[in-house]
PDB file of N, CA and C in Angstrom:
ATOM      1  N   MET A   1     -30.759  -2.321 -24.464  1.00  0.00           N
ATOM      2  CA  MET A   1     -31.213  -3.419 -23.688  1.00  0.00           C
ATOM      3  C   MET A   1     -31.270  -2.958 -22.215  1.00  0.00           C
ATOM      4  N   LYS A   2     -32.257  -3.139 -21.543  1.00  0.00           N
ATOM      5  CA  LYS A   2     -32.358  -2.753 -20.072  1.00  0.00           C
ATOM      6  C   LYS A   2     -31.644  -3.677 -19.266  1.00  0.00           C
ATOM      7  N   GLN A   3     -30.979  -3.173 -18.162  1.00  0.00           N
ATOM      8  CA  GLN A   3     -30.214  -4.129 -17.288  1.00  0.00           C
ATOM      9  C   GLN A   3     -31.219  -4.336 -16.041  1.00  0.00           C
ATOM     10  N   THR A   4     -31.139  -5.640 -15.564  1.00  0.00           N
ATOM     11  CA  THR A   4     -31.801  -6.007 -14.403  1.00  0.00           C
ATOM     12  C   THR A   4     -31.104  -5.490 -13.123  1.00  0.00           C
ATOM     13  N   PRO A   5     -31.699  -5.407 -12.062  1.00  0.00           N
ATOM     14  CA  PRO A   5     -30.964  -5.044 -10.839  1.00  0.00           C
ATOM     15  C   PRO A   5     -29.810  -5.896 -10.456  1.00  0.00           C
ATOM     16  N   ALA A   6     -29.969  -7.226 -10.715  1.00  0.00           N
ATOM     17  CA  ALA A   6     -28.899  -8.172 -10.438  1.00  0.00           C
ATOM     18  C   ALA A   6     -27.608  -7.771 -11.273  1.00  0.00           C
ATOM     19  N   GLN A   7     -27.903  -7.442 -12.532  1.00  0.00           N
ATOM     20  CA  GLN A   7     -26.653  -7.112 -13.489  1.00  0.00           C
ATOM     21  C   GLN A   7     -26.082  -5.899 -13.016  1.00  0.00           C
ATOM     22  N   ARG A   8     -26.817  -4.932 -12.719  1.00  0.00           N
ATOM     23  CA  ARG A   8     -26.327  -3.639 -12.198  1.00  0.00           C
ATOM     24  C   ARG A   8     -25.405  -3.808 -10.904  1.00  0.00           C
ATOM     25  N   GLY A   9     -25.989  -4.598  -9.987  1.00  0.00           N
ATOM     26  CA  GLY A   9     -25.215  -4.874  -8.709  1.00  0.00           C
ATOM     27  C   GLY A   9     -23.903  -5.624  -8.974  1.00  0.00           C
ATOM     28  N   SER A  10     -23.848  -6.411  -9.931  1.00  0.00           N
ATOM     29  CA  SER A  10     -22.616  -7.214 -10.213  1.00  0.00           C
ATOM     30  C   SER A  10     -21.545  -6.316 -10.705  1.00  0.00           C
ATOM     31  N   SER A  11     -21.879  -5.409 -11.701  1.00  0.00           N
ATOM     32  CA  SER A  11     -20.867  -4.528 -12.203  1.00  0.00           C
ATOM     33  C   SER A  11     -20.469  -3.393 -11.193  1.00  0.00           C
ATOM     34  N   GLY A  12     -21.287  -3.029 -10.290  1.00  0.00           N
ATOM     35  CA  GLY A  12     -20.868  -2.181  -9.204  1.00  0.00           C
ATOM     36  C   GLY A  12     -19.957  -2.748  -8.274  1.00  0.00           C
ATOM     37  N   GLY A  13     -20.234  -4.121  -7.998  1.00  0.00           N
ATOM     38  CA  GLY A  13     -19.218  -4.803  -7.115  1.00  0.00           C
ATOM     39  C   GLY A  13     -17.884  -4.920  -7.657  1.00  0.00           C
ATOM     40  N   LEU A  14     -17.753  -5.127  -8.957  1.00  0.00           N
ATOM     41  CA  LEU A  14     -16.463  -5.207  -9.613  1.00  0.00           C
ATOM     42  C   LEU A  14     -15.827  -3.853  -9.561  1.00  0.00           C
ATOM     43  N   ALA A  15     -16.483  -2.755  -9.776  1.00  0.00           N
ATOM     44  CA  ALA A  15     -15.904  -1.489  -9.738  1.00  0.00           C
ATOM     45  C   ALA A  15     -15.306  -1.072  -8.322  1.00  0.00           C
ATOM     46  N   GLU A  16     -16.123  -1.544  -7.308  1.00  0.00           N
ATOM     47  CA  GLU A  16     -15.723  -1.400  -5.967  1.00  0.00           C
ATOM     48  C   GLU A  16     -14.405  -2.298  -5.556  1.00  0.00           C
ATOM     49  N   LEU A  17     -14.435  -3.387  -6.042  1.00  0.00           N
ATOM     50  CA  LEU A  17     -13.352  -4.323  -5.902  1.00  0.00           C
ATOM     51  C   LEU A  17     -12.005  -3.778  -6.492  1.00  0.00           C
ATOM     52  N   ARG A  18     -12.257  -3.321  -7.709  1.00  0.00           N
ATOM     53  CA  ARG A  18     -11.133  -2.606  -8.406  1.00  0.00           C
ATOM     54  C   ARG A  18     -10.558  -1.391  -7.674  1.00  0.00           C
ATOM     55  N   ASN A  19     -11.462  -0.613  -7.220  1.00  0.00           N
ATOM     56  CA  ASN A  19     -11.049   0.607  -6.455  1.00  0.00           C
ATOM     57  C   ASN A  19     -10.272   0.179  -5.147  1.00  0.00           C
ATOM     58  N   ARG A  20     -10.855  -0.787  -4.444  1.00  0.00           N
ATOM     59  CA  ARG A  20     -10.159  -1.327  -3.264  1.00  0.00           C
ATOM     60  C   ARG A  20      -8.720  -1.910  -3.465  1.00  0.00           C
ATOM     61  N   LEU A  21      -8.604  -2.667  -4.653  1.00  0.00           N
ATOM     62  CA  LEU A  21      -7.313  -3.213  -4.891  1.00  0.00           C
ATOM     63  C   LEU A  21      -6.266  -2.031  -5.397  1.00  0.00           C
ATOM     64  N   LEU A  22      -6.818  -1.098  -6.159  1.00  0.00           N
ATOM     65  CA  LEU A  22      -5.963  -0.044  -6.414  1.00  0.00           C
ATOM     66  C   LEU A  22      -5.450   0.801  -5.237  1.00  0.00           C
ATOM     67  N   PHE A  23      -6.391   0.979  -4.336  1.00  0.00           N
ATOM     68  CA  PHE A  23      -5.964   1.707  -3.053  1.00  0.00           C
ATOM     69  C   PHE A  23      -4.938   0.762  -2.231  1.00  0.00           C
ATOM     70  N   VAL A  24      -5.095  -0.467  -2.159  1.00  0.00           N
ATOM     71  CA  VAL A  24      -4.102  -1.293  -1.479  1.00  0.00           C
ATOM     72  C   VAL A  24      -2.731  -1.175  -2.171  1.00  0.00           C
ATOM     73  N   VAL A  25      -2.760  -1.372  -3.448  1.00  0.00           N
ATOM     74  CA  VAL A  25      -1.515  -1.347  -4.259  1.00  0.00           C
ATOM     75  C   VAL A  25      -0.898   0.043  -4.109  1.00  0.00           C
ATOM     76  N   GLY A  26      -1.598   1.118  -4.202  1.00  0.00           N
ATOM     77  CA  GLY A  26      -1.099   2.365  -4.010  1.00  0.00           C
ATOM     78  C   GLY A  26      -0.526   2.660  -2.674  1.00  0.00           C
ATOM     79  N   SER A  27      -1.194   2.181  -1.668  1.00  0.00           N
ATOM     80  CA  SER A  27      -0.652   2.263  -0.249  1.00  0.00           C
ATOM     81  C   SER A  27       0.618   1.540  -0.032  1.00  0.00           C
ATOM     82  N   LEU A  28       0.714   0.399  -0.684  1.00  0.00           N
ATOM     83  CA  LEU A  28       2.021  -0.436  -0.554  1.00  0.00           C
ATOM     84  C   LEU A  28       3.118   0.379  -1.277  1.00  0.00           C
ATOM     85  N   LEU A  29       2.804   0.917  -2.401  1.00  0.00           N
ATOM     86  CA  LEU A  29       3.841   1.698  -3.110  1.00  0.00           C
ATOM     87  C   LEU A  29       4.296   2.864  -2.260  1.00  0.00           C
ATOM     88  N   ILE A  30       3.400   3.621  -1.710  1.00  0.00           N
ATOM     89  CA  ILE A  30       3.800   4.795  -0.940  1.00  0.00           C
ATOM     90  C   ILE A  30       4.583   4.317   0.271  1.00  0.00           C
ATOM     91  N   TYR A  31       4.218   3.172   0.895  1.00  0.00           N
ATOM     92  CA  TYR A  31       5.005   2.634   1.985  1.00  0.00           C
ATOM     93  C   TYR A  31       6.419   2.337   1.550  1.00  0.00           C
ATOM     94  N   ARG A  32       6.535   1.703   0.506  1.00  0.00           N
ATOM     95  CA  ARG A  32       7.905   1.157  -0.055  1.00  0.00           C
ATOM     96  C   ARG A  32       8.787   2.446  -0.351  1.00  0.00           C
ATOM     97  N   VAL A  33       8.191   3.481  -0.942  1.00  0.00           N
ATOM     98  CA  VAL A  33       8.943   4.681  -1.151  1.00  0.00           C
ATOM     99  C   VAL A  33       9.236   5.401   0.145  1.00  0.00           C
ATOM    100  N   GLY A  34       8.415   5.307   1.039  1.00  0.00           N
ATOM    101  CA  GLY A  34       8.667   5.964   2.345  1.00  0.00           C
ATOM    102  C   GLY A  34       9.807   5.339   3.179  1.00  0.00           C
ATOM    103  N   THR A  35       9.974   4.037   2.900  1.00  0.00           N
ATOM    104  CA  THR A  35      11.120   3.351   3.706  1.00  0.00           C
ATOM    105  C   THR A  35      12.452   3.921   3.263  1.00  0.00           C
ATOM    106  N   HIS A  36      12.564   4.458   2.096  1.00  0.00           N
ATOM    107  CA  HIS A  36      13.900   4.975   1.651  1.00  0.00           C
ATOM    108  C   HIS A  36      14.111   6.421   1.965  1.00  0.00           C
ATOM    109  N   VAL A  37      13.212   7.043   2.718  1.00  0.00           N
ATOM    110  CA  VAL A  37      13.337   8.484   3.154  1.00  0.00           C
ATOM    111  C   VAL A  37      13.956   8.450   4.463  1.00  0.00           C
ATOM    112  N   PRO A  38      15.117   9.162   4.609  1.00  0.00           N
ATOM    113  CA  PRO A  38      15.890   9.043   5.858  1.00  0.00           C
ATOM    114  C   PRO A  38      15.114   9.899   7.001  1.00  0.00           C
ATOM    115  N   VAL A  39      15.177   9.524   8.229  1.00  0.00           N
ATOM    116  CA  VAL A  39      14.442  10.228   9.304  1.00  0.00           C
ATOM    117  C   VAL A  39      15.529  11.264   9.979  1.00  0.00           C
ATOM    118  N   PRO A  40      15.167  12.459  10.008  1.00  0.00           N
ATOM    119  CA  PRO A  40      16.055  13.375  10.638  1.00  0.00           C
ATOM    120  C   PRO A  40      16.429  13.199  12.064  1.00  0.00           C
ATOM    121  N   GLY A  41      17.723  13.304  12.461  1.00  0.00           N
ATOM    122  CA  GLY A  41      18.176  13.035  13.754  1.00  0.00           C
ATOM    123  C   GLY A  41      18.636  11.590  14.011  1.00  0.00           C
ATOM    124  N   ILE A  42      18.534  10.704  13.053  1.00  0.00           N
ATOM    125  CA  ILE A  42      18.940   9.410  13.201  1.00  0.00           C
ATOM    126  C   ILE A  42      20.343   9.185  12.529  1.00  0.00           C
ATOM    127  N   ASN A  43      21.288   8.642  13.313  1.00  0.00           N
ATOM    128  CA  ASN A  43      22.559   8.424  12.600  1.00  0.00           C
ATOM    129  C   ASN A  43      22.489   6.905  11.993  1.00  0.00           C
ATOM    130  N   PRO A  44      22.609   6.920  10.698  1.00  0.00           N
ATOM    131  CA  PRO A  44      22.506   5.502   9.941  1.00  0.00           C
ATOM    132  C   PRO A  44      23.536   4.594  10.386  1.00  0.00           C
ATOM    133  N   GLN A  45      24.782   5.039  10.571  1.00  0.00           N
ATOM    134  CA  GLN A  45      25.901   4.116  10.995  1.00  0.00           C
ATOM    135  C   GLN A  45      25.671   3.632  12.411  1.00  0.00           C
ATOM    136  N   ALA A  46      25.209   4.406  13.239  1.00  0.00           N
ATOM    137  CA  ALA A  46      24.797   3.923  14.656  1.00  0.00           C
ATOM    138  C   ALA A  46      23.695   2.932  14.684  1.00  0.00           C
ATOM    139  N   LEU A  47      22.757   3.213  13.821  1.00  0.00           N
ATOM    140  CA  LEU A  47      21.571   2.197  13.678  1.00  0.00           C
ATOM    141  C   LEU A  47      22.025   0.908  13.156  1.00  0.00           C
ATOM    142  N   ALA A  48      22.897   1.009  12.078  1.00  0.00           N
ATOM    143  CA  ALA A  48      23.396  -0.262  11.515  1.00  0.00           C
ATOM    144  C   ALA A  48      24.247  -0.967  12.563  1.00  0.00           C
ATOM    145  N   ALA A  49      25.086  -0.325  13.302  1.00  0.00           N
ATOM    146  CA  ALA A  49      25.851  -1.005  14.382  1.00  0.00           C
ATOM    147  C   ALA A  49      24.932  -1.637  15.452  1.00  0.00           C
ATOM    148  N   LEU A  50      23.869  -0.976  15.779  1.00  0.00           N
ATOM    149  CA  LEU A  50      23.010  -1.517  16.637  1.00  0.00           C
ATOM    150  C   LEU A  50      22.341  -2.862  16.280  1.00  0.00           C
ATOM    151  N   PHE A  51      21.850  -2.854  14.982  1.00  0.00           N
ATOM    152  CA  PHE A  51      21.288  -4.055  14.505  1.00  0.00           C
ATOM    153  C   PHE A  51      22.370  -5.177  14.240  1.00  0.00           C
ATOM    154  N   ASP A  52      23.554  -4.741  13.943  1.00  0.00           N
ATOM    155  CA  ASP A  52      24.619  -5.762  13.830  1.00  0.00           C
ATOM    156  C   ASP A  52      24.975  -6.445  15.193  1.00  0.00           C
ATOM    157  N   ALA A  53      24.869  -5.632  16.233  1.00  0.00           N
ATOM    158  CA  ALA A  53      25.242  -6.156  17.518  1.00  0.00           C
ATOM    159  C   ALA A  53      24.132  -7.125  18.080  1.00  0.00           C
ATOM    160  N   GLN A  54      23.050  -6.991  17.509  1.00  0.00           N
ATOM    161  CA  GLN A  54      21.924  -7.927  17.893  1.00  0.00           C
ATOM    162  C   GLN A  54      22.007  -9.323  17.290  1.00  0.00           C
ATOM    163  N   ARG A  55      22.808  -9.428  16.237  1.00  0.00           N
ATOM    164  CA  ARG A  55      22.901 -10.693  15.624  1.00  0.00           C
ATOM    165  C   ARG A  55      23.638 -11.799  16.499  1.00  0.00           C
TER     166      ARG A  55
END
């Protein structure tokens, strides 16, 4: 059975939406993993003391 242009457009839109959602979820996962990577040259104890002093 042949598809009409409207039917082809709707399936393409769903594929694009799925790709965009996967990109966002992947970006969030990479961000969350990156928050656990220590930055060179930063003393974690001094940084914790700085944040505790601001409370």
